[in-house]
Amino acid sequence: MSAPRILCIEDHPDTADLISEVLQDEGFDVTVAGTASDGLDALHPRPDLVLCDIDLPDMSGLDLLARIRSGKVLPVTLPFIFVTAFSQRGHQMQARQLGCDDYVTKPIDFELLLAIIRHRLSGQAERPQDSTNYRLTERELESLTWAARGKSSADIAVILKIAERTVNFHMDNAMRKLGVATRIQAAVKCAMLGLISP
């Protein structure tokens, strides 16, 4: 069985090399493109998944996504994940509206990124409309967002100005509602559902 092919569109060589090295070490076949134009060329043969920066030199990653989702370039079902330094909610909302599957902010949490990639490639990704079933509170989502960014319970307690035991309470509740055993699984599931943006 051939390795899943991932197209990484990233104009910063150091970042592109790091992503490529990590993914190759995990058994993926990685093609790197430094511009949106090169990325479009690299869509043939079709990759299994695309990782893309937003701030590209020749075309915004958002514009590139819009072209892909138009159906004129490839089938619209191609999994597409933004990996970007833009953490503003406006960028994230625009990306979701254009049809991106996930949105990961830099610096990259590779454990989270790999979990998202594997989930997308499994063909079992849950759709956003399922998110209402879980009824997560605002505090639970805030706690999971910071956990997805690599923060400990102690760190999250300081950030949210609440007790560490309260953070653990919110985490435990969220994991129970989501039906998962670990925080990283909870964070990945929420990211899949569009409930948080790591």
N, C-alpha and C. Protein backbone atom coordinates (compact mmCIF):
# COMPACT_ATOMS: atom_id res chain seq x y z
N MET A 1 0.85 -1.19 0.00
CA MET A 1 0.00 0.00 0.00
C MET A 1 0.89 1.24 0.00
N SER A 2 0.64 2.17 -0.91
CA SER A 2 1.48 3.35 -1.02
C SER A 2 1.18 4.32 0.11
N ALA A 3 2.19 5.12 0.46
CA ALA A 3 2.03 6.09 1.54
C ALA A 3 1.09 7.21 1.11
N PRO A 4 0.27 7.73 2.02
CA PRO A 4 -0.59 8.87 1.68
C PRO A 4 0.25 10.05 1.21
N ARG A 5 -0.21 10.71 0.15
CA ARG A 5 0.55 11.83 -0.42
C ARG A 5 -0.01 13.14 0.10
N ILE A 6 0.86 13.94 0.70
CA ILE A 6 0.47 15.23 1.25
C ILE A 6 1.19 16.34 0.49
N LEU A 7 0.44 17.32 0.04
CA LEU A 7 1.00 18.50 -0.60
C LEU A 7 1.08 19.62 0.43
N CYS A 8 2.29 20.12 0.66
CA CYS A 8 2.51 21.21 1.61
C CYS A 8 2.86 22.48 0.84
N ILE A 9 1.99 23.48 0.90
CA ILE A 9 2.23 24.75 0.20
C ILE A 9 2.66 25.77 1.24
N GLU A 10 3.95 26.06 1.28
CA GLU A 10 4.55 26.91 2.32
C GLU A 10 5.76 27.63 1.73
N ASP A 11 5.76 28.97 1.83
CA ASP A 11 6.82 29.74 1.17
C ASP A 11 8.06 29.94 2.03
N HIS A 12 8.02 29.64 3.32
CA HIS A 12 9.20 29.76 4.16
C HIS A 12 9.95 28.43 4.16
N PRO A 13 11.15 28.37 3.59
CA PRO A 13 11.86 27.09 3.44
C PRO A 13 12.07 26.34 4.75
N ASP A 14 12.43 27.07 5.82
CA ASP A 14 12.69 26.38 7.09
C ASP A 14 11.43 25.69 7.61
N THR A 15 10.30 26.39 7.51
CA THR A 15 9.03 25.80 7.96
C THR A 15 8.63 24.63 7.08
N ALA A 16 8.78 24.81 5.77
CA ALA A 16 8.44 23.75 4.82
C ALA A 16 9.29 22.51 5.07
N ASP A 17 10.59 22.72 5.31
CA ASP A 17 11.49 21.59 5.57
C ASP A 17 11.11 20.87 6.85
N LEU A 18 10.75 21.64 7.88
CA LEU A 18 10.38 21.03 9.16
C LEU A 18 9.11 20.20 9.02
N ILE A 19 8.09 20.77 8.37
CA ILE A 19 6.84 20.04 8.16
C ILE A 19 7.10 18.77 7.36
N SER A 20 7.88 18.90 6.29
CA SER A 20 8.17 17.76 5.43
C SER A 20 8.91 16.67 6.20
N GLU A 21 9.90 17.06 6.99
CA GLU A 21 10.69 16.09 7.74
C GLU A 21 9.83 15.33 8.76
N VAL A 22 8.99 16.08 9.49
CA VAL A 22 8.13 15.44 10.50
C VAL A 22 7.16 14.46 9.84
N LEU A 23 6.54 14.90 8.74
CA LEU A 23 5.54 14.04 8.08
C LEU A 23 6.20 12.82 7.43
N GLN A 24 7.37 13.01 6.84
CA GLN A 24 8.07 11.88 6.23
C GLN A 24 8.47 10.86 7.30
N ASP A 25 8.90 11.36 8.46
CA ASP A 25 9.25 10.46 9.56
C ASP A 25 8.05 9.64 10.02
N GLU A 26 6.84 10.18 9.79
CA GLU A 26 5.61 9.48 10.16
C GLU A 26 5.06 8.61 9.03
N GLY A 27 5.82 8.52 7.93
CA GLY A 27 5.44 7.61 6.85
C GLY A 27 4.65 8.21 5.71
N PHE A 28 4.56 9.56 5.66
CA PHE A 28 3.82 10.21 4.57
C PHE A 28 4.76 10.57 3.42
N ASP A 29 4.20 10.59 2.23
CA ASP A 29 4.90 11.04 1.04
C ASP A 29 4.58 12.53 0.87
N VAL A 30 5.59 13.39 0.99
CA VAL A 30 5.35 14.83 1.04
C VAL A 30 5.93 15.53 -0.19
N THR A 31 5.11 16.35 -0.81
CA THR A 31 5.54 17.24 -1.89
C THR A 31 5.42 18.67 -1.38
N VAL A 32 6.48 19.46 -1.56
CA VAL A 32 6.49 20.85 -1.08
C VAL A 32 6.42 21.80 -2.25
N ALA A 33 5.56 22.82 -2.14
CA ALA A 33 5.47 23.88 -3.13
C ALA A 33 5.63 25.22 -2.41
N GLY A 34 6.43 26.12 -2.99
CA GLY A 34 6.72 27.39 -2.33
C GLY A 34 5.79 28.52 -2.70
N THR A 35 4.95 28.31 -3.71
CA THR A 35 3.99 29.33 -4.13
C THR A 35 2.64 28.68 -4.42
N ALA A 36 1.61 29.51 -4.50
CA ALA A 36 0.29 28.98 -4.84
C ALA A 36 0.28 28.39 -6.25
N SER A 37 0.99 29.06 -7.17
CA SER A 37 1.05 28.57 -8.55
C SER A 37 1.69 27.20 -8.62
N ASP A 38 2.81 27.04 -7.89
CA ASP A 38 3.46 25.73 -7.85
C ASP A 38 2.55 24.71 -7.18
N GLY A 39 1.79 25.17 -6.19
CA GLY A 39 0.85 24.28 -5.52
C GLY A 39 -0.23 23.78 -6.46
N LEU A 40 -0.74 24.68 -7.30
CA LEU A 40 -1.76 24.28 -8.28
C LEU A 40 -1.19 23.24 -9.25
N ASP A 41 0.06 23.46 -9.69
CA ASP A 41 0.70 22.50 -10.59
C ASP A 41 0.87 21.14 -9.91
N ALA A 42 1.16 21.18 -8.59
CA ALA A 42 1.42 19.94 -7.85
C ALA A 42 0.15 19.18 -7.49
N LEU A 43 -1.01 19.74 -7.84
CA LEU A 43 -2.27 19.04 -7.57
C LEU A 43 -2.51 17.87 -8.52
N HIS A 44 -1.65 17.73 -9.50
CA HIS A 44 -1.76 16.63 -10.46
C HIS A 44 -0.43 15.88 -10.47
N PRO A 45 -0.36 14.61 -10.08
CA PRO A 45 -1.50 13.79 -9.65
C PRO A 45 -2.07 14.26 -8.31
N ARG A 46 -3.33 13.95 -8.11
CA ARG A 46 -4.07 14.45 -6.95
C ARG A 46 -3.46 13.95 -5.64
N PRO A 47 -3.16 14.88 -4.71
CA PRO A 47 -2.69 14.46 -3.38
C PRO A 47 -3.86 13.94 -2.55
N ASP A 48 -3.54 13.32 -1.43
CA ASP A 48 -4.59 12.86 -0.53
C ASP A 48 -5.05 13.96 0.43
N LEU A 49 -4.19 14.97 0.62
CA LEU A 49 -4.50 16.05 1.56
C LEU A 49 -3.58 17.23 1.27
N VAL A 50 -4.08 18.44 1.50
CA VAL A 50 -3.28 19.65 1.29
C VAL A 50 -3.11 20.40 2.60
N LEU A 51 -1.85 20.77 2.89
CA LEU A 51 -1.54 21.72 3.96
C LEU A 51 -1.13 23.01 3.29
N CYS A 52 -1.66 24.14 3.75
CA CYS A 52 -1.40 25.39 3.03
C CYS A 52 -1.28 26.57 3.98
N ASP A 53 -0.30 27.43 3.71
CA ASP A 53 -0.19 28.71 4.41
C ASP A 53 -1.19 29.68 3.79
N ILE A 54 -1.55 30.73 4.50
CA ILE A 54 -2.42 31.75 3.92
C ILE A 54 -1.61 32.83 3.21
N ASP A 55 -0.51 33.24 3.85
CA ASP A 55 0.29 34.35 3.33
C ASP A 55 1.33 33.82 2.34
N LEU A 56 0.93 33.67 1.09
CA LEU A 56 1.81 33.19 0.03
C LEU A 56 2.20 34.35 -0.88
N PRO A 57 3.35 34.27 -1.56
CA PRO A 57 3.85 35.43 -2.32
C PRO A 57 3.05 35.80 -3.56
N ASP A 58 2.43 34.84 -4.20
CA ASP A 58 1.77 35.13 -5.49
C ASP A 58 0.25 35.12 -5.43
N MET A 59 -0.31 34.50 -4.40
CA MET A 59 -1.77 34.40 -4.28
C MET A 59 -2.09 34.03 -2.83
N SER A 60 -3.11 34.61 -2.27
CA SER A 60 -3.51 34.24 -0.92
C SER A 60 -3.93 32.77 -0.88
N GLY A 61 -3.60 32.10 0.22
CA GLY A 61 -4.07 30.74 0.39
C GLY A 61 -5.58 30.65 0.38
N LEU A 62 -6.23 31.73 0.81
CA LEU A 62 -7.70 31.76 0.78
C LEU A 62 -8.21 31.74 -0.66
N ASP A 63 -7.54 32.51 -1.53
CA ASP A 63 -7.93 32.50 -2.95
C ASP A 63 -7.67 31.14 -3.59
N LEU A 64 -6.56 30.53 -3.18
CA LEU A 64 -6.23 29.20 -3.69
C LEU A 64 -7.30 28.19 -3.27
N LEU A 65 -7.71 28.26 -2.02
CA LEU A 65 -8.76 27.36 -1.53
C LEU A 65 -10.06 27.57 -2.31
N ALA A 66 -10.40 28.83 -2.58
CA ALA A 66 -11.63 29.12 -3.32
C ALA A 66 -11.58 28.49 -4.71
N ARG A 67 -10.41 28.52 -5.35
CA ARG A 67 -10.27 27.90 -6.68
C ARG A 67 -10.45 26.39 -6.59
N ILE A 68 -9.85 25.79 -5.56
CA ILE A 68 -9.96 24.34 -5.40
C ILE A 68 -11.41 23.94 -5.10
N ARG A 69 -12.06 24.69 -4.23
CA ARG A 69 -13.43 24.36 -3.85
C ARG A 69 -14.45 24.68 -4.95
N SER A 70 -14.03 25.40 -5.97
CA SER A 70 -14.94 25.67 -7.09
C SER A 70 -15.25 24.42 -7.89
N GLY A 71 -14.41 23.38 -7.73
CA GLY A 71 -14.61 22.14 -8.46
C GLY A 71 -14.00 22.12 -9.84
N LYS A 72 -13.38 23.25 -10.24
CA LYS A 72 -12.79 23.33 -11.58
C LYS A 72 -11.38 22.76 -11.62
N VAL A 73 -10.75 22.67 -10.45
CA VAL A 73 -9.37 22.19 -10.37
C VAL A 73 -9.33 20.71 -9.99
N LEU A 74 -10.05 20.37 -8.92
CA LEU A 74 -10.10 19.01 -8.38
C LEU A 74 -11.46 18.79 -7.74
N PRO A 75 -11.80 17.54 -7.43
CA PRO A 75 -13.04 17.31 -6.68
C PRO A 75 -13.03 18.11 -5.37
N VAL A 76 -14.16 18.67 -5.02
CA VAL A 76 -14.23 19.57 -3.86
C VAL A 76 -14.00 18.84 -2.54
N THR A 77 -13.97 17.53 -2.56
CA THR A 77 -13.82 16.77 -1.31
C THR A 77 -12.37 16.66 -0.85
N LEU A 78 -11.41 17.17 -1.58
CA LEU A 78 -10.00 17.08 -1.19
C LEU A 78 -9.80 17.72 0.18
N PRO A 79 -9.30 16.97 1.18
CA PRO A 79 -9.07 17.56 2.50
C PRO A 79 -8.05 18.70 2.44
N PHE A 80 -8.39 19.82 3.05
CA PHE A 80 -7.56 21.04 2.96
C PHE A 80 -7.42 21.64 4.36
N ILE A 81 -6.17 21.77 4.80
CA ILE A 81 -5.89 22.28 6.15
C ILE A 81 -4.98 23.50 6.05
N PHE A 82 -5.39 24.60 6.64
CA PHE A 82 -4.51 25.76 6.72
C PHE A 82 -3.57 25.60 7.90
N VAL A 83 -2.28 25.91 7.67
CA VAL A 83 -1.28 25.97 8.72
C VAL A 83 -0.66 27.36 8.60
N THR A 84 -1.01 28.26 9.50
CA THR A 84 -0.71 29.67 9.29
C THR A 84 -0.45 30.41 10.60
N ALA A 85 0.25 31.53 10.48
CA ALA A 85 0.49 32.39 11.64
C ALA A 85 -0.71 33.29 11.94
N PHE A 86 -1.66 33.36 11.00
CA PHE A 86 -2.84 34.21 11.21
C PHE A 86 -3.79 33.54 12.20
N SER A 87 -3.85 34.08 13.40
CA SER A 87 -4.71 33.49 14.43
C SER A 87 -6.01 34.26 14.63
N GLN A 88 -6.18 35.37 13.88
CA GLN A 88 -7.38 36.19 14.05
C GLN A 88 -8.64 35.41 13.66
N ARG A 89 -9.69 35.65 14.43
CA ARG A 89 -10.95 34.95 14.19
C ARG A 89 -11.49 35.23 12.79
N GLY A 90 -11.27 36.45 12.28
CA GLY A 90 -11.77 36.79 10.95
C GLY A 90 -11.20 35.90 9.87
N HIS A 91 -9.89 35.64 9.94
CA HIS A 91 -9.26 34.74 8.97
C HIS A 91 -9.83 33.33 9.10
N GLN A 92 -10.01 32.89 10.33
CA GLN A 92 -10.51 31.54 10.56
C GLN A 92 -11.94 31.38 10.04
N MET A 93 -12.76 32.39 10.27
CA MET A 93 -14.14 32.33 9.79
C MET A 93 -14.19 32.33 8.27
N GLN A 94 -13.36 33.18 7.64
CA GLN A 94 -13.33 33.23 6.18
C GLN A 94 -12.88 31.89 5.61
N ALA A 95 -11.86 31.31 6.24
CA ALA A 95 -11.35 30.01 5.78
C ALA A 95 -12.43 28.93 5.89
N ARG A 96 -13.16 28.92 7.00
CA ARG A 96 -14.23 27.94 7.18
C ARG A 96 -15.33 28.13 6.13
N GLN A 97 -15.66 29.40 5.87
CA GLN A 97 -16.72 29.69 4.90
C GLN A 97 -16.32 29.25 3.49
N LEU A 98 -15.03 29.32 3.20
CA LEU A 98 -14.55 28.90 1.88
C LEU A 98 -14.43 27.38 1.76
N GLY A 99 -14.49 26.68 2.91
CA GLY A 99 -14.48 25.23 2.86
C GLY A 99 -13.24 24.54 3.34
N CYS A 100 -12.40 25.23 4.13
CA CYS A 100 -11.24 24.52 4.68
C CYS A 100 -11.73 23.53 5.73
N ASP A 101 -11.03 22.42 5.86
CA ASP A 101 -11.45 21.38 6.80
C ASP A 101 -10.94 21.65 8.21
N ASP A 102 -9.74 22.21 8.30
CA ASP A 102 -9.16 22.51 9.61
C ASP A 102 -8.24 23.71 9.50
N TYR A 103 -7.93 24.30 10.66
CA TYR A 103 -7.16 25.53 10.71
C TYR A 103 -6.22 25.42 11.90
N VAL A 104 -4.93 25.29 11.63
CA VAL A 104 -3.92 25.12 12.69
C VAL A 104 -3.00 26.34 12.67
N THR A 105 -2.79 26.94 13.84
CA THR A 105 -1.95 28.14 13.90
C THR A 105 -0.51 27.79 14.27
N LYS A 106 0.40 28.64 13.80
CA LYS A 106 1.81 28.52 14.14
C LYS A 106 2.08 29.27 15.44
N PRO A 107 3.08 28.84 16.24
CA PRO A 107 3.95 27.70 16.01
C PRO A 107 3.17 26.38 16.03
N ILE A 108 3.59 25.46 15.20
CA ILE A 108 2.82 24.24 14.96
C ILE A 108 2.95 23.25 16.10
N ASP A 109 1.82 22.79 16.59
CA ASP A 109 1.77 21.66 17.52
C ASP A 109 1.68 20.41 16.64
N PHE A 110 2.81 19.74 16.45
CA PHE A 110 2.84 18.63 15.50
C PHE A 110 2.03 17.42 15.97
N GLU A 111 1.93 17.23 17.26
CA GLU A 111 1.11 16.12 17.75
C GLU A 111 -0.34 16.33 17.33
N LEU A 112 -0.81 17.57 17.48
CA LEU A 112 -2.18 17.90 17.08
C LEU A 112 -2.33 17.82 15.56
N LEU A 113 -1.38 18.39 14.83
CA LEU A 113 -1.46 18.37 13.37
C LEU A 113 -1.50 16.95 12.83
N LEU A 114 -0.65 16.09 13.36
CA LEU A 114 -0.63 14.69 12.90
C LEU A 114 -1.94 13.98 13.22
N ALA A 115 -2.50 14.27 14.38
CA ALA A 115 -3.79 13.65 14.73
C ALA A 115 -4.88 14.11 13.78
N ILE A 116 -4.87 15.39 13.42
CA ILE A 116 -5.86 15.93 12.49
C ILE A 116 -5.69 15.30 11.11
N ILE A 117 -4.44 15.21 10.65
CA ILE A 117 -4.17 14.62 9.33
C ILE A 117 -4.66 13.18 9.28
N ARG A 118 -4.31 12.40 10.29
CA ARG A 118 -4.72 10.99 10.30
C ARG A 118 -6.25 10.86 10.34
N HIS A 119 -6.87 11.74 11.09
CA HIS A 119 -8.34 11.70 11.18
C HIS A 119 -8.96 12.02 9.83
N ARG A 120 -8.44 13.03 9.15
CA ARG A 120 -8.97 13.40 7.83
C ARG A 120 -8.75 12.29 6.82
N LEU A 121 -7.59 11.67 6.86
CA LEU A 121 -7.28 10.62 5.88
C LEU A 121 -8.05 9.33 6.17
N SER A 122 -8.55 9.20 7.39
CA SER A 122 -9.29 7.98 7.73
C SER A 122 -10.65 7.94 7.04
N GLY A 123 -11.10 9.11 6.55
CA GLY A 123 -12.40 9.17 5.89
C GLY A 123 -13.56 9.18 6.86
N GLN A 124 -13.25 9.38 8.15
CA GLN A 124 -14.30 9.33 9.17
C GLN A 124 -14.48 10.67 9.86
N ALA A 125 -14.00 11.74 9.22
CA ALA A 125 -14.11 13.06 9.85
C ALA A 125 -15.57 13.44 10.04
N GLU A 126 -15.86 13.95 11.20
CA GLU A 126 -17.24 14.34 11.50
C GLU A 126 -17.53 15.70 10.92
N ARG A 127 -18.72 15.94 10.55
CA ARG A 127 -19.10 17.19 9.91
C ARG A 127 -19.52 18.21 10.96
N PRO A 128 -19.36 19.51 10.64
CA PRO A 128 -19.68 20.55 11.61
C PRO A 128 -21.10 20.49 12.16
N GLN A 129 -22.07 20.02 11.39
CA GLN A 129 -23.44 20.04 11.89
C GLN A 129 -23.63 19.12 13.09
N ASP A 130 -22.67 18.19 13.32
CA ASP A 130 -22.77 17.31 14.47
C ASP A 130 -22.40 18.01 15.77
N SER A 131 -21.81 19.20 15.69
CA SER A 131 -21.22 19.84 16.86
C SER A 131 -22.25 20.20 17.92
N THR A 132 -23.48 20.45 17.52
CA THR A 132 -24.50 20.88 18.48
C THR A 132 -24.88 19.77 19.45
N ASN A 133 -24.54 18.53 19.12
CA ASN A 133 -24.93 17.42 19.98
C ASN A 133 -24.15 17.38 21.30
N TYR A 134 -22.99 18.04 21.35
CA TYR A 134 -22.10 17.88 22.49
C TYR A 134 -22.35 18.88 23.61
N ARG A 135 -22.94 20.03 23.31
CA ARG A 135 -23.32 21.03 24.32
C ARG A 135 -22.16 21.40 25.24
N LEU A 136 -21.01 21.70 24.66
CA LEU A 136 -19.86 22.12 25.46
C LEU A 136 -20.05 23.57 25.91
N THR A 137 -19.64 23.85 27.14
CA THR A 137 -19.75 25.21 27.66
C THR A 137 -18.60 26.07 27.13
N GLU A 138 -18.74 27.38 27.30
CA GLU A 138 -17.69 28.29 26.85
C GLU A 138 -16.37 28.01 27.56
N ARG A 139 -16.43 27.76 28.87
CA ARG A 139 -15.22 27.47 29.63
C ARG A 139 -14.56 26.16 29.17
N GLU A 140 -15.37 25.16 28.86
CA GLU A 140 -14.82 23.89 28.37
C GLU A 140 -14.10 24.10 27.05
N LEU A 141 -14.69 24.89 26.17
CA LEU A 141 -14.06 25.16 24.87
C LEU A 141 -12.80 25.99 25.04
N GLU A 142 -12.83 26.97 25.95
CA GLU A 142 -11.63 27.78 26.20
C GLU A 142 -10.50 26.90 26.72
N SER A 143 -10.82 26.02 27.65
CA SER A 143 -9.81 25.13 28.23
C SER A 143 -9.22 24.22 27.16
N LEU A 144 -10.07 23.67 26.30
CA LEU A 144 -9.58 22.79 25.24
C LEU A 144 -8.75 23.54 24.21
N THR A 145 -9.12 24.78 23.93
CA THR A 145 -8.35 25.58 22.98
C THR A 145 -6.92 25.76 23.47
N TRP A 146 -6.77 26.10 24.75
CA TRP A 146 -5.43 26.29 25.30
C TRP A 146 -4.69 24.96 25.43
N ALA A 147 -5.41 23.89 25.74
CA ALA A 147 -4.77 22.57 25.80
C ALA A 147 -4.24 22.18 24.43
N ALA A 148 -4.99 22.51 23.38
CA ALA A 148 -4.55 22.20 22.02
C ALA A 148 -3.29 22.97 21.65
N ARG A 149 -3.05 24.09 22.33
CA ARG A 149 -1.85 24.89 22.09
C ARG A 149 -0.69 24.49 22.99
N GLY A 150 -0.87 23.36 23.68
CA GLY A 150 0.23 22.81 24.46
C GLY A 150 0.31 23.30 25.90
N LYS A 151 -0.73 23.97 26.37
CA LYS A 151 -0.70 24.50 27.73
C LYS A 151 -1.15 23.44 28.74
N SER A 152 -0.50 23.45 29.92
CA SER A 152 -0.88 22.54 31.00
C SER A 152 -2.07 23.11 31.76
N SER A 153 -2.62 22.32 32.66
CA SER A 153 -3.73 22.80 33.48
C SER A 153 -3.32 24.02 34.29
N ALA A 154 -2.08 24.00 34.81
CA ALA A 154 -1.59 25.13 35.59
C ALA A 154 -1.50 26.39 34.73
N ASP A 155 -1.00 26.22 33.50
CA ASP A 155 -0.92 27.37 32.57
C ASP A 155 -2.31 27.92 32.27
N ILE A 156 -3.24 27.01 31.98
CA ILE A 156 -4.60 27.43 31.61
C ILE A 156 -5.28 28.14 32.78
N ALA A 157 -5.01 27.66 33.99
CA ALA A 157 -5.59 28.30 35.17
C ALA A 157 -5.16 29.76 35.28
N VAL A 158 -3.88 30.01 35.01
CA VAL A 158 -3.36 31.38 35.06
C VAL A 158 -3.99 32.22 33.95
N ILE A 159 -4.05 31.66 32.74
CA ILE A 159 -4.60 32.39 31.58
C ILE A 159 -6.06 32.75 31.79
N LEU A 160 -6.84 31.80 32.28
CA LEU A 160 -8.29 32.02 32.45
C LEU A 160 -8.66 32.60 33.81
N LYS A 161 -7.62 32.72 34.69
CA LYS A 161 -7.84 33.28 36.04
C LYS A 161 -8.85 32.46 36.84
N ILE A 162 -8.66 31.15 36.79
CA ILE A 162 -9.48 30.23 37.57
C ILE A 162 -8.57 29.22 38.25
N ALA A 163 -9.09 28.44 39.18
CA ALA A 163 -8.28 27.45 39.88
C ALA A 163 -7.92 26.29 38.96
N GLU A 164 -6.77 25.68 39.22
CA GLU A 164 -6.33 24.54 38.40
C GLU A 164 -7.33 23.39 38.49
N ARG A 165 -7.89 23.17 39.67
CA ARG A 165 -8.88 22.08 39.80
C ARG A 165 -10.13 22.37 38.97
N THR A 166 -10.44 23.66 38.78
CA THR A 166 -11.58 24.03 37.94
C THR A 166 -11.29 23.71 36.48
N VAL A 167 -10.04 23.96 36.06
CA VAL A 167 -9.64 23.60 34.70
C VAL A 167 -9.80 22.10 34.50
N ASN A 168 -9.31 21.31 35.45
CA ASN A 168 -9.42 19.86 35.33
C ASN A 168 -10.88 19.40 35.30
N PHE A 169 -11.72 20.10 36.06
CA PHE A 169 -13.16 19.80 36.06
C PHE A 169 -13.75 20.03 34.67
N HIS A 170 -13.41 21.17 34.06
CA HIS A 170 -13.91 21.47 32.71
C HIS A 170 -13.39 20.46 31.69
N MET A 171 -12.12 20.08 31.82
CA MET A 171 -11.53 19.11 30.90
C MET A 171 -12.24 17.76 31.02
N ASP A 172 -12.43 17.33 32.25
CA ASP A 172 -13.09 16.03 32.47
C ASP A 172 -14.51 16.03 31.90
N ASN A 173 -15.23 17.13 32.11
CA ASN A 173 -16.59 17.24 31.57
C ASN A 173 -16.58 17.18 30.05
N ALA A 174 -15.64 17.91 29.44
CA ALA A 174 -15.55 17.95 27.98
C ALA A 174 -15.24 16.57 27.42
N MET A 175 -14.29 15.87 28.04
CA MET A 175 -13.94 14.53 27.56
C MET A 175 -15.12 13.57 27.68
N ARG A 176 -15.86 13.71 28.78
CA ARG A 176 -17.05 12.85 28.97
C ARG A 176 -18.09 13.13 27.90
N LYS A 177 -18.37 14.40 27.63
CA LYS A 177 -19.37 14.77 26.63
C LYS A 177 -18.96 14.32 25.23
N LEU A 178 -17.65 14.40 24.96
CA LEU A 178 -17.16 14.06 23.62
C LEU A 178 -16.93 12.56 23.45
N GLY A 179 -16.93 11.82 24.56
CA GLY A 179 -16.73 10.38 24.48
C GLY A 179 -15.31 9.98 24.15
N VAL A 180 -14.34 10.74 24.70
CA VAL A 180 -12.93 10.44 24.44
C VAL A 180 -12.20 10.26 25.77
N ALA A 181 -10.97 9.72 25.69
CA ALA A 181 -10.25 9.37 26.91
C ALA A 181 -9.16 10.37 27.28
N THR A 182 -8.70 11.19 26.33
CA THR A 182 -7.59 12.09 26.61
C THR A 182 -7.90 13.51 26.15
N ARG A 183 -7.11 14.45 26.66
CA ARG A 183 -7.30 15.85 26.27
C ARG A 183 -6.99 16.08 24.81
N ILE A 184 -5.94 15.44 24.32
CA ILE A 184 -5.57 15.65 22.92
C ILE A 184 -6.67 15.12 22.01
N GLN A 185 -7.29 14.00 22.37
CA GLN A 185 -8.41 13.48 21.58
C GLN A 185 -9.58 14.46 21.60
N ALA A 186 -9.83 15.05 22.76
CA ALA A 186 -10.91 16.03 22.88
C ALA A 186 -10.62 17.26 22.03
N ALA A 187 -9.37 17.73 22.07
CA ALA A 187 -9.00 18.92 21.29
C ALA A 187 -9.11 18.64 19.80
N VAL A 188 -8.64 17.48 19.37
CA VAL A 188 -8.72 17.12 17.95
C VAL A 188 -10.17 17.03 17.51
N LYS A 189 -11.01 16.40 18.31
CA LYS A 189 -12.42 16.25 17.94
C LYS A 189 -13.10 17.61 17.82
N CYS A 190 -12.80 18.51 18.75
CA CYS A 190 -13.39 19.85 18.69
C CYS A 190 -12.88 20.62 17.48
N ALA A 191 -11.61 20.44 17.14
CA ALA A 191 -11.08 21.09 15.94
C ALA A 191 -11.76 20.55 14.69
N MET A 192 -11.98 19.23 14.66
CA MET A 192 -12.67 18.62 13.53
C MET A 192 -14.07 19.20 13.33
N LEU A 193 -14.72 19.48 14.45
CA LEU A 193 -16.09 19.97 14.42
C LEU A 193 -16.17 21.48 14.23
N GLY A 194 -15.01 22.13 14.18
CA GLY A 194 -15.00 23.58 14.01
C GLY A 194 -15.35 24.34 15.28
N LEU A 195 -15.27 23.67 16.44
CA LEU A 195 -15.61 24.31 17.70
C LEU A 195 -14.47 25.13 18.27
N ILE A 196 -13.22 24.73 17.96
CA ILE A 196 -12.06 25.49 18.41
C ILE A 196 -11.09 25.61 17.25
N SER A 197 -10.19 26.59 17.36
CA SER A 197 -9.11 26.77 16.39
C SER A 197 -7.80 26.77 17.15
N PRO A 198 -7.04 25.68 17.07
CA PRO A 198 -5.79 25.58 17.84
C PRO A 198 -4.82 26.70 17.50
